[in-house]
Amino acid sequence: MTIFEGLTKDTRRELGDVNRVITALVSAQNELVFREARLKSSQEEASRGTAGVATDSLERVITELNQARSAAAERRESIGAQLERLRLELIRLKSGVGTAAEVRAEAERGKRLIPG
């Protein structure tokens, strides 16, 4: 966001909704961090007091929580990589090497990662 805000007003206008895409990606990334923390807490809660007890239900719950946590981490990492690609395109634009069209194209790719 700092790089985006450092661009001229005309350049920011030319970028269209890139700012909104970045904001939405950061928000989605933060939500995934919280989701991972909740899932970890749920895993700990499910395992608490079950020493030596290996029921099918417990194993299923732990497996589901692990899978959900892994999926959230994977999605968070994908969003982080997309934000990095956008950052680099903004640096290219700021330096005069890249174009607003290239930044907008990268933002379009980023929209696929925004939930809803």
PDB file of N, CA and C in Angstrom:
ATOM      1  N   MET A   1       0.818  -1.194   0.000  1.00  0.00           N
ATOM      2  CA  MET A   1       0.000   0.000   0.000  1.00  0.00           C
ATOM      3  C   MET A   1       0.860   1.256   0.000  1.00  0.00           C
ATOM      4  N   THR A   2       2.004   1.193   0.657  1.00  0.00           N
ATOM      5  CA  THR A   2       2.887   2.355   0.716  1.00  0.00           C
ATOM      6  C   THR A   2       3.347   2.745  -0.682  1.00  0.00           C
ATOM      7  N   ILE A   3       3.683   1.752  -1.490  1.00  0.00           N
ATOM      8  CA  ILE A   3       4.119   2.035  -2.859  1.00  0.00           C
ATOM      9  C   ILE A   3       2.964   2.647  -3.641  1.00  0.00           C
ATOM     10  N   PHE A   4       1.780   2.072  -3.508  1.00  0.00           N
ATOM     11  CA  PHE A   4       0.602   2.581  -4.214  1.00  0.00           C
ATOM     12  C   PHE A   4       0.349   4.037  -3.832  1.00  0.00           C
ATOM     13  N   GLU A   5       0.389   4.315  -2.541  1.00  0.00           N
ATOM     14  CA  GLU A   5       0.111   5.672  -2.063  1.00  0.00           C
ATOM     15  C   GLU A   5       1.182   6.659  -2.502  1.00  0.00           C
ATOM     16  N   GLY A   6       2.382   6.171  -2.824  1.00  0.00           N
ATOM     17  CA  GLY A   6       3.463   7.041  -3.276  1.00  0.00           C
ATOM     18  C   GLY A   6       3.380   7.405  -4.750  1.00  0.00           C
ATOM     19  N   LEU A   7       2.445   6.804  -5.465  1.00  0.00           N
ATOM     20  CA  LEU A   7       2.275   7.122  -6.891  1.00  0.00           C
ATOM     21  C   LEU A   7       1.508   8.428  -7.047  1.00  0.00           C
ATOM     22  N   THR A   8       1.647   9.039  -8.191  1.00  0.00           N
ATOM     23  CA  THR A   8       0.915  10.283  -8.442  1.00  0.00           C
ATOM     24  C   THR A   8      -0.583  10.003  -8.475  1.00  0.00           C
ATOM     25  N   LYS A   9      -1.350  11.044  -8.260  1.00  0.00           N
ATOM     26  CA  LYS A   9      -2.804  10.914  -8.266  1.00  0.00           C
ATOM     27  C   LYS A   9      -3.292  10.399  -9.619  1.00  0.00           C
ATOM     28  N   ASP A  10      -2.720  10.905 -10.687  1.00  0.00           N
ATOM     29  CA  ASP A  10      -3.113  10.465 -12.034  1.00  0.00           C
ATOM     30  C   ASP A  10      -2.806   8.984 -12.240  1.00  0.00           C
ATOM     31  N   THR A  11      -1.657   8.545 -11.776  1.00  0.00           N
ATOM     32  CA  THR A  11      -1.285   7.137 -11.926  1.00  0.00           C
ATOM     33  C   THR A  11      -2.214   6.259 -11.102  1.00  0.00           C
ATOM     34  N   ARG A  12      -2.523   6.675  -9.889  1.00  0.00           N
ATOM     35  CA  ARG A  12      -3.443   5.900  -9.051  1.00  0.00           C
ATOM     36  C   ARG A  12      -4.811   5.792  -9.727  1.00  0.00           C
ATOM     37  N   ARG A  13      -5.272   6.860 -10.330  1.00  0.00           N
ATOM     38  CA  ARG A  13      -6.552   6.855 -11.031  1.00  0.00           C
ATOM     39  C   ARG A  13      -6.489   5.891 -12.220  1.00  0.00           C
ATOM     40  N   GLU A  14      -5.355   5.894 -12.907  1.00  0.00           N
ATOM     41  CA  GLU A  14      -5.170   5.013 -14.062  1.00  0.00           C
ATOM     42  C   GLU A  14      -5.185   3.532 -13.661  1.00  0.00           C
ATOM     43  N   LEU A  15      -4.842   3.248 -12.425  1.00  0.00           N
ATOM     44  CA  LEU A  15      -4.798   1.868 -11.948  1.00  0.00           C
ATOM     45  C   LEU A  15      -6.184   1.308 -11.624  1.00  0.00           C
ATOM     46  N   GLY A  16      -7.193   2.148 -11.621  1.00  0.00           N
ATOM     47  CA  GLY A  16      -8.552   1.664 -11.391  1.00  0.00           C
ATOM     48  C   GLY A  16      -8.730   1.102 -10.001  1.00  0.00           C
ATOM     49  N   ASP A  17      -9.201  -0.143  -9.928  1.00  0.00           N
ATOM     50  CA  ASP A  17      -9.531  -0.730  -8.628  1.00  0.00           C
ATOM     51  C   ASP A  17      -8.390  -1.523  -8.000  1.00  0.00           C
ATOM     52  N   VAL A  18      -7.170  -1.291  -8.440  1.00  0.00           N
ATOM     53  CA  VAL A  18      -6.017  -2.009  -7.883  1.00  0.00           C
ATOM     54  C   VAL A  18      -5.945  -1.825  -6.369  1.00  0.00           C
ATOM     55  N   ASN A  19      -6.196  -0.634  -5.895  1.00  0.00           N
ATOM     56  CA  ASN A  19      -6.164  -0.352  -4.460  1.00  0.00           C
ATOM     57  C   ASN A  19      -7.175  -1.229  -3.712  1.00  0.00           C
ATOM     58  N   ARG A  20      -8.380  -1.341  -4.253  1.00  0.00           N
ATOM     59  CA  ARG A  20      -9.414  -2.175  -3.616  1.00  0.00           C
ATOM     60  C   ARG A  20      -9.017  -3.647  -3.626  1.00  0.00           C
ATOM     61  N   VAL A  21      -8.380  -4.092  -4.706  1.00  0.00           N
ATOM     62  CA  VAL A  21      -7.941  -5.483  -4.789  1.00  0.00           C
ATOM     63  C   VAL A  21      -6.883  -5.759  -3.726  1.00  0.00           C
ATOM     64  N   ILE A  22      -5.921  -4.864  -3.594  1.00  0.00           N
ATOM     65  CA  ILE A  22      -4.875  -5.034  -2.585  1.00  0.00           C
ATOM     66  C   ILE A  22      -5.490  -5.078  -1.194  1.00  0.00           C
ATOM     67  N   THR A  23      -6.395  -4.153  -0.911  1.00  0.00           N
ATOM     68  CA  THR A  23      -7.052  -4.105   0.394  1.00  0.00           C
ATOM     69  C   THR A  23      -7.826  -5.397   0.663  1.00  0.00           C
ATOM     70  N   ALA A  24      -8.536  -5.890  -0.335  1.00  0.00           N
ATOM     71  CA  ALA A  24      -9.311  -7.124  -0.172  1.00  0.00           C
ATOM     72  C   ALA A  24      -8.395  -8.328   0.042  1.00  0.00           C
ATOM     73  N   LEU A  25      -7.272  -8.368  -0.668  1.00  0.00           N
ATOM     74  CA  LEU A  25      -6.321  -9.473  -0.492  1.00  0.00           C
ATOM     75  C   LEU A  25      -5.707  -9.455   0.904  1.00  0.00           C
ATOM     76  N   VAL A  26      -5.337  -8.285   1.379  1.00  0.00           N
ATOM     77  CA  VAL A  26      -4.767  -8.163   2.724  1.00  0.00           C
ATOM     78  C   VAL A  26      -5.801  -8.587   3.763  1.00  0.00           C
ATOM     79  N   SER A  27      -7.038  -8.171   3.579  1.00  0.00           N
ATOM     80  CA  SER A  27      -8.105  -8.544   4.499  1.00  0.00           C
ATOM     81  C   SER A  27      -8.321 -10.062   4.494  1.00  0.00           C
ATOM     82  N   ALA A  28      -8.351 -10.661   3.313  1.00  0.00           N
ATOM     83  CA  ALA A  28      -8.524 -12.116   3.207  1.00  0.00           C
ATOM     84  C   ALA A  28      -7.363 -12.846   3.867  1.00  0.00           C
ATOM     85  N   GLN A  29      -6.164 -12.322   3.675  1.00  0.00           N
ATOM     86  CA  GLN A  29      -4.972 -12.924   4.285  1.00  0.00           C
ATOM     87  C   GLN A  29      -5.074 -12.865   5.815  1.00  0.00           C
ATOM     88  N   ASN A  30      -5.492 -11.737   6.343  1.00  0.00           N
ATOM     89  CA  ASN A  30      -5.646 -11.587   7.800  1.00  0.00           C
ATOM     90  C   ASN A  30      -6.720 -12.528   8.342  1.00  0.00           C
ATOM     91  N   GLU A  31      -7.821 -12.664   7.618  1.00  0.00           N
ATOM     92  CA  GLU A  31      -8.874 -13.576   8.044  1.00  0.00           C
ATOM     93  C   GLU A  31      -8.363 -15.012   8.089  1.00  0.00           C
ATOM     94  N   LEU A  32      -7.522 -15.381   7.148  1.00  0.00           N
ATOM     95  CA  LEU A  32      -6.965 -16.733   7.129  1.00  0.00           C
ATOM     96  C   LEU A  32      -6.010 -16.961   8.296  1.00  0.00           C
ATOM     97  N   VAL A  33      -5.273 -15.941   8.673  1.00  0.00           N
ATOM     98  CA  VAL A  33      -4.398 -16.054   9.842  1.00  0.00           C
ATOM     99  C   VAL A  33      -5.251 -16.351  11.085  1.00  0.00           C
ATOM    100  N   PHE A  34      -6.349 -15.621  11.222  1.00  0.00           N
ATOM    101  CA  PHE A  34      -7.240 -15.852  12.358  1.00  0.00           C
ATOM    102  C   PHE A  34      -7.880 -17.243  12.274  1.00  0.00           C
ATOM    103  N   ARG A  35      -8.258 -17.667  11.075  1.00  0.00           N
ATOM    104  CA  ARG A  35      -8.855 -18.995  10.901  1.00  0.00           C
ATOM    105  C   ARG A  35      -7.866 -20.083  11.315  1.00  0.00           C
ATOM    106  N   GLU A  36      -6.624 -19.939  10.887  1.00  0.00           N
ATOM    107  CA  GLU A  36      -5.606 -20.919  11.276  1.00  0.00           C
ATOM    108  C   GLU A  36      -5.466 -20.987  12.798  1.00  0.00           C
ATOM    109  N   ALA A  37      -5.478 -19.836  13.443  1.00  0.00           N
ATOM    110  CA  ALA A  37      -5.350 -19.797  14.904  1.00  0.00           C
ATOM    111  C   ALA A  37      -6.549 -20.474  15.567  1.00  0.00           C
ATOM    112  N   ARG A  38      -7.760 -20.217  15.047  1.00  0.00           N
ATOM    113  CA  ARG A  38      -8.954 -20.860  15.613  1.00  0.00           C
ATOM    114  C   ARG A  38      -8.903 -22.368  15.419  1.00  0.00           C
ATOM    115  N   LEU A  39      -8.453 -22.802  14.243  1.00  0.00           N
ATOM    116  CA  LEU A  39      -8.364 -24.236  13.973  1.00  0.00           C
ATOM    117  C   LEU A  39      -7.334 -24.907  14.880  1.00  0.00           C
ATOM    118  N   LYS A  40      -6.215 -24.223  15.096  1.00  0.00           N
ATOM    119  CA  LYS A  40      -5.194 -24.770  15.995  1.00  0.00           C
ATOM    120  C   LYS A  40      -5.759 -24.899  17.407  1.00  0.00           C
ATOM    121  N   SER A  41      -6.458 -23.879  17.841  1.00  0.00           N
ATOM    122  CA  SER A  41      -7.074 -23.904  19.162  1.00  0.00           C
ATOM    123  C   SER A  41      -8.095 -25.046  19.257  1.00  0.00           C
ATOM    124  N   SER A  42      -8.853 -25.245  18.205  1.00  0.00           N
ATOM    125  CA  SER A  42      -9.833 -26.330  18.184  1.00  0.00           C
ATOM    126  C   SER A  42      -9.151 -27.688  18.222  1.00  0.00           C
ATOM    127  N   GLN A  43      -8.019 -27.807  17.531  1.00  0.00           N
ATOM    128  CA  GLN A  43      -7.260 -29.060  17.567  1.00  0.00           C
ATOM    129  C   GLN A  43      -6.806 -29.354  19.005  1.00  0.00           C
ATOM    130  N   GLU A  44      -6.273 -28.335  19.644  1.00  0.00           N
ATOM    131  CA  GLU A  44      -5.803 -28.501  21.019  1.00  0.00           C
ATOM    132  C   GLU A  44      -6.960 -28.864  21.938  1.00  0.00           C
ATOM    133  N   GLU A  45      -8.083 -28.207  21.738  1.00  0.00           N
ATOM    134  CA  GLU A  45      -9.260 -28.477  22.572  1.00  0.00           C
ATOM    135  C   GLU A  45      -9.767 -29.903  22.351  1.00  0.00           C
ATOM    136  N   ALA A  46      -9.766 -30.362  21.111  1.00  0.00           N
ATOM    137  CA  ALA A  46     -10.234 -31.716  20.811  1.00  0.00           C
ATOM    138  C   ALA A  46      -9.311 -32.766  21.430  1.00  0.00           C
ATOM    139  N   SER A  47      -8.036 -32.471  21.467  1.00  0.00           N
ATOM    140  CA  SER A  47      -7.058 -33.438  21.982  1.00  0.00           C
ATOM    141  C   SER A  47      -6.975 -33.443  23.500  1.00  0.00           C
ATOM    142  N   ARG A  48      -7.403 -32.358  24.126  1.00  0.00           N
ATOM    143  CA  ARG A  48      -7.315 -32.225  25.575  1.00  0.00           C
ATOM    144  C   ARG A  48      -8.130 -33.301  26.281  1.00  0.00           C
ATOM    145  N   GLY A  49      -7.505 -33.960  27.213  1.00  0.00           N
ATOM    146  CA  GLY A  49      -8.216 -34.928  28.036  1.00  0.00           C
ATOM    147  C   GLY A  49      -8.479 -36.253  27.350  1.00  0.00           C
ATOM    148  N   THR A  50      -7.824 -36.474  26.224  1.00  0.00           N
ATOM    149  CA  THR A  50      -8.081 -37.711  25.493  1.00  0.00           C
ATOM    150  C   THR A  50      -6.873 -38.636  25.491  1.00  0.00           C
ATOM    151  N   ALA A  51      -5.963 -38.425  26.403  1.00  0.00           N
ATOM    152  CA  ALA A  51      -4.749 -39.243  26.459  1.00  0.00           C
ATOM    153  C   ALA A  51      -5.122 -40.719  26.513  1.00  0.00           C
ATOM    154  N   GLY A  52      -4.599 -41.467  25.573  1.00  0.00           N
ATOM    155  CA  GLY A  52      -4.826 -42.902  25.530  1.00  0.00           C
ATOM    156  C   GLY A  52      -6.153 -43.303  24.921  1.00  0.00           C
ATOM    157  N   VAL A  53      -6.982 -42.332  24.598  1.00  0.00           N
ATOM    158  CA  VAL A  53      -8.273 -42.643  23.993  1.00  0.00           C
ATOM    159  C   VAL A  53      -8.202 -42.307  22.512  1.00  0.00           C
ATOM    160  N   ALA A  54      -8.322 -43.312  21.680  1.00  0.00           N
ATOM    161  CA  ALA A  54      -8.251 -43.088  20.233  1.00  0.00           C
ATOM    162  C   ALA A  54      -9.555 -43.558  19.608  1.00  0.00           C
ATOM    163  N   THR A  55     -10.542 -42.711  19.653  1.00  0.00           N
ATOM    164  CA  THR A  55     -11.825 -43.073  19.077  1.00  0.00           C
ATOM    165  C   THR A  55     -11.877 -42.667  17.617  1.00  0.00           C
ATOM    166  N   ASP A  56     -12.758 -43.304  16.874  1.00  0.00           N
ATOM    167  CA  ASP A  56     -12.937 -42.943  15.473  1.00  0.00           C
ATOM    168  C   ASP A  56     -13.352 -41.482  15.337  1.00  0.00           C
ATOM    169  N   SER A  57     -14.218 -41.042  16.244  1.00  0.00           N
ATOM    170  CA  SER A  57     -14.699 -39.653  16.187  1.00  0.00           C
ATOM    171  C   SER A  57     -13.566 -38.670  16.412  1.00  0.00           C
ATOM    172  N   LEU A  58     -12.735 -38.943  17.396  1.00  0.00           N
ATOM    173  CA  LEU A  58     -11.611 -38.055  17.683  1.00  0.00           C
ATOM    174  C   LEU A  58     -10.662 -37.997  16.495  1.00  0.00           C
ATOM    175  N   GLU A  59     -10.340 -39.147  15.945  1.00  0.00           N
ATOM    176  CA  GLU A  59      -9.435 -39.186  14.787  1.00  0.00           C
ATOM    177  C   GLU A  59     -10.029 -38.418  13.612  1.00  0.00           C
ATOM    178  N   ARG A  60     -11.322 -38.587  13.374  1.00  0.00           N
ATOM    179  CA  ARG A  60     -11.981 -37.883  12.278  1.00  0.00           C
ATOM    180  C   ARG A  60     -11.926 -36.376  12.489  1.00  0.00           C
ATOM    181  N   VAL A  61     -12.230 -35.942  13.716  1.00  0.00           N
ATOM    182  CA  VAL A  61     -12.228 -34.509  14.018  1.00  0.00           C
ATOM    183  C   VAL A  61     -10.819 -33.925  13.857  1.00  0.00           C
ATOM    184  N   ILE A  62      -9.829 -34.607  14.393  1.00  0.00           N
ATOM    185  CA  ILE A  62      -8.448 -34.121  14.283  1.00  0.00           C
ATOM    186  C   ILE A  62      -8.028 -34.065  12.818  1.00  0.00           C
ATOM    187  N   THR A  63      -8.375 -35.070  12.042  1.00  0.00           N
ATOM    188  CA  THR A  63      -8.042 -35.095  10.613  1.00  0.00           C
ATOM    189  C   THR A  63      -8.702 -33.937   9.880  1.00  0.00           C
ATOM    190  N   GLU A  64      -9.988 -33.724  10.148  1.00  0.00           N
ATOM    191  CA  GLU A  64     -10.707 -32.622   9.498  1.00  0.00           C
ATOM    192  C   GLU A  64     -10.105 -31.272   9.863  1.00  0.00           C
ATOM    193  N   LEU A  65      -9.776 -31.097  11.120  1.00  0.00           N
ATOM    194  CA  LEU A  65      -9.176 -29.830  11.556  1.00  0.00           C
ATOM    195  C   LEU A  65      -7.807 -29.625  10.916  1.00  0.00           C
ATOM    196  N   ASN A  66      -7.015 -30.698  10.833  1.00  0.00           N
ATOM    197  CA  ASN A  66      -5.701 -30.612  10.165  1.00  0.00           C
ATOM    198  C   ASN A  66      -5.861 -30.230   8.703  1.00  0.00           C
ATOM    199  N   GLN A  67      -6.801 -30.854   8.026  1.00  0.00           N
ATOM    200  CA  GLN A  67      -7.024 -30.561   6.609  1.00  0.00           C
ATOM    201  C   GLN A  67      -7.479 -29.117   6.411  1.00  0.00           C
ATOM    202  N   ALA A  68      -8.380 -28.668   7.258  1.00  0.00           N
ATOM    203  CA  ALA A  68      -8.869 -27.290   7.155  1.00  0.00           C
ATOM    204  C   ALA A  68      -7.748 -26.293   7.430  1.00  0.00           C
ATOM    205  N   ARG A  69      -6.925 -26.607   8.409  1.00  0.00           N
ATOM    206  CA  ARG A  69      -5.803 -25.711   8.736  1.00  0.00           C
ATOM    207  C   ARG A  69      -4.784 -25.677   7.601  1.00  0.00           C
ATOM    208  N   SER A  70      -4.495 -26.823   7.021  1.00  0.00           N
ATOM    209  CA  SER A  70      -3.565 -26.872   5.885  1.00  0.00           C
ATOM    210  C   SER A  70      -4.110 -26.098   4.693  1.00  0.00           C
ATOM    211  N   ALA A  71      -5.405 -26.241   4.434  1.00  0.00           N
ATOM    212  CA  ALA A  71      -6.030 -25.517   3.325  1.00  0.00           C
ATOM    213  C   ALA A  71      -5.975 -24.010   3.554  1.00  0.00           C
ATOM    214  N   ALA A  72      -6.229 -23.590   4.782  1.00  0.00           N
ATOM    215  CA  ALA A  72      -6.175 -22.160   5.102  1.00  0.00           C
ATOM    216  C   ALA A  72      -4.755 -21.627   4.944  1.00  0.00           C
ATOM    217  N   ALA A  73      -3.768 -22.395   5.391  1.00  0.00           N
ATOM    218  CA  ALA A  73      -2.364 -21.971   5.270  1.00  0.00           C
ATOM    219  C   ALA A  73      -1.956 -21.879   3.798  1.00  0.00           C
ATOM    220  N   GLU A  74      -2.395 -22.848   3.016  1.00  0.00           N
ATOM    221  CA  GLU A  74      -2.065 -22.849   1.585  1.00  0.00           C
ATOM    222  C   GLU A  74      -2.678 -21.634   0.887  1.00  0.00           C
ATOM    223  N   ARG A  75      -3.921 -21.359   1.211  1.00  0.00           N
ATOM    224  CA  ARG A  75      -4.605 -20.205   0.606  1.00  0.00           C
ATOM    225  C   ARG A  75      -3.939 -18.897   1.045  1.00  0.00           C
ATOM    226  N   ARG A  76      -3.589 -18.813   2.333  1.00  0.00           N
ATOM    227  CA  ARG A  76      -2.909 -17.612   2.842  1.00  0.00           C
ATOM    228  C   ARG A  76      -1.591 -17.402   2.112  1.00  0.00           C
ATOM    229  N   GLU A  77      -0.844 -18.483   1.890  1.00  0.00           N
ATOM    230  CA  GLU A  77       0.435 -18.383   1.175  1.00  0.00           C
ATOM    231  C   GLU A  77       0.222 -17.951  -0.271  1.00  0.00           C
ATOM    232  N   SER A  78      -0.833 -18.429  -0.907  1.00  0.00           N
ATOM    233  CA  SER A  78      -1.141 -18.019  -2.283  1.00  0.00           C
ATOM    234  C   SER A  78      -1.448 -16.528  -2.343  1.00  0.00           C
ATOM    235  N   ILE A  79      -2.200 -16.052  -1.368  1.00  0.00           N
ATOM    236  CA  ILE A  79      -2.527 -14.626  -1.315  1.00  0.00           C
ATOM    237  C   ILE A  79      -1.264 -13.811  -1.066  1.00  0.00           C
ATOM    238  N   GLY A  80      -0.400 -14.286  -0.184  1.00  0.00           N
ATOM    239  CA  GLY A  80       0.867 -13.594   0.079  1.00  0.00           C
ATOM    240  C   GLY A  80       1.719 -13.506  -1.174  1.00  0.00           C
ATOM    241  N   ALA A  81       1.769 -14.579  -1.944  1.00  0.00           N
ATOM    242  CA  ALA A  81       2.543 -14.576  -3.194  1.00  0.00           C
ATOM    243  C   ALA A  81       1.932 -13.589  -4.192  1.00  0.00           C
ATOM    244  N   GLN A  82       0.601 -13.538  -4.248  1.00  0.00           N
ATOM    245  CA  GLN A  82      -0.052 -12.601  -5.162  1.00  0.00           C
ATOM    246  C   GLN A  82       0.219 -11.160  -4.751  1.00  0.00           C
ATOM    247  N   LEU A  83       0.166 -10.891  -3.457  1.00  0.00           N
ATOM    248  CA  LEU A  83       0.478  -9.537  -2.985  1.00  0.00           C
ATOM    249  C   LEU A  83       1.914  -9.160  -3.334  1.00  0.00           C
ATOM    250  N   GLU A  84       2.822 -10.110  -3.254  1.00  0.00           N
ATOM    251  CA  GLU A  84       4.218  -9.837  -3.617  1.00  0.00           C
ATOM    252  C   GLU A  84       4.336  -9.533  -5.107  1.00  0.00           C
ATOM    253  N   ARG A  85       3.615 -10.281  -5.948  1.00  0.00           N
ATOM    254  CA  ARG A  85       3.650  -9.994  -7.391  1.00  0.00           C
ATOM    255  C   ARG A  85       3.102  -8.599  -7.671  1.00  0.00           C
ATOM    256  N   LEU A  86       2.035  -8.229  -6.982  1.00  0.00           N
ATOM    257  CA  LEU A  86       1.493  -6.875  -7.159  1.00  0.00           C
ATOM    258  C   LEU A  86       2.487  -5.817  -6.701  1.00  0.00           C
ATOM    259  N   ARG A  87       3.142  -6.070  -5.584  1.00  0.00           N
ATOM    260  CA  ARG A  87       4.146  -5.124  -5.074  1.00  0.00           C
ATOM    261  C   ARG A  87       5.257  -4.916  -6.101  1.00  0.00           C
ATOM    262  N   LEU A  88       5.719  -6.001  -6.677  1.00  0.00           N
ATOM    263  CA  LEU A  88       6.801  -5.898  -7.660  1.00  0.00           C
ATOM    264  C   LEU A  88       6.345  -5.167  -8.916  1.00  0.00           C
ATOM    265  N   GLU A  89       5.115  -5.407  -9.345  1.00  0.00           N
ATOM    266  CA  GLU A  89       4.594  -4.685 -10.516  1.00  0.00           C
ATOM    267  C   GLU A  89       4.458  -3.193 -10.210  1.00  0.00           C
ATOM    268  N   LEU A  90       4.053  -2.864  -8.992  1.00  0.00           N
ATOM    269  CA  LEU A  90       3.969  -1.452  -8.613  1.00  0.00           C
ATOM    270  C   LEU A  90       5.351  -0.804  -8.594  1.00  0.00           C
ATOM    271  N   ILE A  91       6.350  -1.536  -8.143  1.00  0.00           N
ATOM    272  CA  ILE A  91       7.730  -1.015  -8.158  1.00  0.00           C
ATOM    273  C   ILE A  91       8.175  -0.784  -9.594  1.00  0.00           C
ATOM    274  N   ARG A  92       7.867  -1.729 -10.467  1.00  0.00           N
ATOM    275  CA  ARG A  92       8.219  -1.566 -11.885  1.00  0.00           C
ATOM    276  C   ARG A  92       7.558  -0.318 -12.453  1.00  0.00           C
ATOM    277  N   LEU A  93       6.264  -0.129 -12.118  1.00  0.00           N
ATOM    278  CA  LEU A  93       5.532   1.042 -12.610  1.00  0.00           C
ATOM    279  C   LEU A  93       6.155   2.322 -12.079  1.00  0.00           C
ATOM    280  N   LYS A  94       6.417   2.344 -10.802  1.00  0.00           N
ATOM    281  CA  LYS A  94       6.992   3.539 -10.164  1.00  0.00           C
ATOM    282  C   LYS A  94       8.342   3.908 -10.777  1.00  0.00           C
ATOM    283  N   SER A  95       9.118   2.886 -11.146  1.00  0.00           N
ATOM    284  CA  SER A  95      10.450   3.140 -11.703  1.00  0.00           C
ATOM    285  C   SER A  95      10.414   3.491 -13.188  1.00  0.00           C
ATOM    286  N   GLY A  96       9.248   3.349 -13.804  1.00  0.00           N
ATOM    287  CA  GLY A  96       9.139   3.663 -15.224  1.00  0.00           C
ATOM    288  C   GLY A  96       9.401   2.474 -16.132  1.00  0.00           C
ATOM    289  N   VAL A  97       9.641   1.325 -15.554  1.00  0.00           N
ATOM    290  CA  VAL A  97       9.906   0.115 -16.341  1.00  0.00           C
ATOM    291  C   VAL A  97       8.597  -0.582 -16.712  1.00  0.00           C
ATOM    292  N   GLY A  98       7.640  -0.557 -15.807  1.00  0.00           N
ATOM    293  CA  GLY A  98       6.363  -1.232 -16.016  1.00  0.00           C
ATOM    294  C   GLY A  98       5.276  -0.263 -16.415  1.00  0.00           C
ATOM    295  N   THR A  99       4.105  -0.837 -16.687  1.00  0.00           N
ATOM    296  CA  THR A  99       2.964  -0.019 -17.101  1.00  0.00           C
ATOM    297  C   THR A  99       1.781  -0.243 -16.166  1.00  0.00           C
ATOM    298  N   ALA A 100       0.863   0.700 -16.199  1.00  0.00           N
ATOM    299  CA  ALA A 100      -0.359   0.572 -15.400  1.00  0.00           C
ATOM    300  C   ALA A 100      -1.151  -0.647 -15.863  1.00  0.00           C
ATOM    301  N   ALA A 101      -1.123  -0.931 -17.152  1.00  0.00           N
ATOM    302  CA  ALA A 101      -1.839  -2.093 -17.689  1.00  0.00           C
ATOM    303  C   ALA A 101      -1.304  -3.388 -17.083  1.00  0.00           C
ATOM    304  N   GLU A 102      -0.007  -3.470 -16.878  1.00  0.00           N
ATOM    305  CA  GLU A 102       0.585  -4.672 -16.279  1.00  0.00           C
ATOM    306  C   GLU A 102       0.158  -4.821 -14.820  1.00  0.00           C
ATOM    307  N   VAL A 103       0.087  -3.712 -14.111  1.00  0.00           N
ATOM    308  CA  VAL A 103      -0.358  -3.754 -12.716  1.00  0.00           C
ATOM    309  C   VAL A 103      -1.829  -4.165 -12.664  1.00  0.00           C
ATOM    310  N   ARG A 104      -2.645  -3.591 -13.555  1.00  0.00           N
ATOM    311  CA  ARG A 104      -4.069  -3.942 -13.589  1.00  0.00           C
ATOM    312  C   ARG A 104      -4.254  -5.425 -13.925  1.00  0.00           C
ATOM    313  N   ALA A 105      -3.450  -5.946 -14.843  1.00  0.00           N
ATOM    314  CA  ALA A 105      -3.543  -7.363 -15.203  1.00  0.00           C
ATOM    315  C   ALA A 105      -3.208  -8.256 -14.008  1.00  0.00           C
ATOM    316  N   GLU A 106      -2.192  -7.868 -13.252  1.00  0.00           N
ATOM    317  CA  GLU A 106      -1.824  -8.639 -12.053  1.00  0.00           C
ATOM    318  C   GLU A 106      -2.935  -8.558 -11.016  1.00  0.00           C
ATOM    319  N   ALA A 107      -3.562  -7.399 -10.893  1.00  0.00           N
ATOM    320  CA  ALA A 107      -4.673  -7.232  -9.955  1.00  0.00           C
ATOM    321  C   ALA A 107      -5.858  -8.105 -10.384  1.00  0.00           C
ATOM    322  N   GLU A 108      -6.092  -8.209 -11.672  1.00  0.00           N
ATOM    323  CA  GLU A 108      -7.169  -9.084 -12.164  1.00  0.00           C
ATOM    324  C   GLU A 108      -6.925 -10.524 -11.760  1.00  0.00           C
ATOM    325  N   ARG A 109      -5.681 -10.965 -11.859  1.00  0.00           N
ATOM    326  CA  ARG A 109      -5.340 -12.324 -11.421  1.00  0.00           C
ATOM    327  C   ARG A 109      -5.565 -12.467  -9.917  1.00  0.00           C
ATOM    328  N   GLY A 110      -5.294 -11.404  -9.185  1.00  0.00           N
ATOM    329  CA  GLY A 110      -5.471 -11.428  -7.739  1.00  0.00           C
ATOM    330  C   GLY A 110      -6.925 -11.524  -7.323  1.00  0.00           C
ATOM    331  N   LYS A 111      -7.838 -11.018  -8.146  1.00  0.00           N
ATOM    332  CA  LYS A 111      -9.263 -11.050  -7.820  1.00  0.00           C
ATOM    333  C   LYS A 111      -9.770 -12.480  -7.642  1.00  0.00           C
ATOM    334  N   ARG A 112      -9.145 -13.432  -8.310  1.00  0.00           N
ATOM    335  CA  ARG A 112      -9.571 -14.830  -8.192  1.00  0.00           C
ATOM    336  C   ARG A 112      -9.378 -15.359  -6.769  1.00  0.00           C
ATOM    337  N   LEU A 113      -8.487 -14.740  -6.016  1.00  0.00           N
ATOM    338  CA  LEU A 113      -8.190 -15.199  -4.662  1.00  0.00           C
ATOM    339  C   LEU A 113      -9.046 -14.532  -3.593  1.00  0.00           C
ATOM    340  N   ILE A 114      -9.842 -13.565  -4.010  1.00  0.00           N
ATOM    341  CA  ILE A 114     -10.693 -12.834  -3.065  1.00  0.00           C
ATOM    342  C   ILE A 114     -11.989 -13.626  -2.867  1.00  0.00           C
ATOM    343  N   PRO A 115     -12.298 -13.973  -1.628  1.00  0.00           N
ATOM    344  CA  PRO A 115     -13.519 -14.746  -1.380  1.00  0.00           C
ATOM    345  C   PRO A 115     -14.778 -13.952  -1.718  1.00  0.00           C
ATOM    346  N   GLY A 116     -15.811 -14.694  -2.105  1.00  0.00           N
ATOM    347  CA  GLY A 116     -17.116 -14.072  -2.356  1.00  0.00           C
ATOM    348  C   GLY A 116     -17.184 -13.511  -3.672  1.00  0.00           C
TER     349      GLY A 116
END
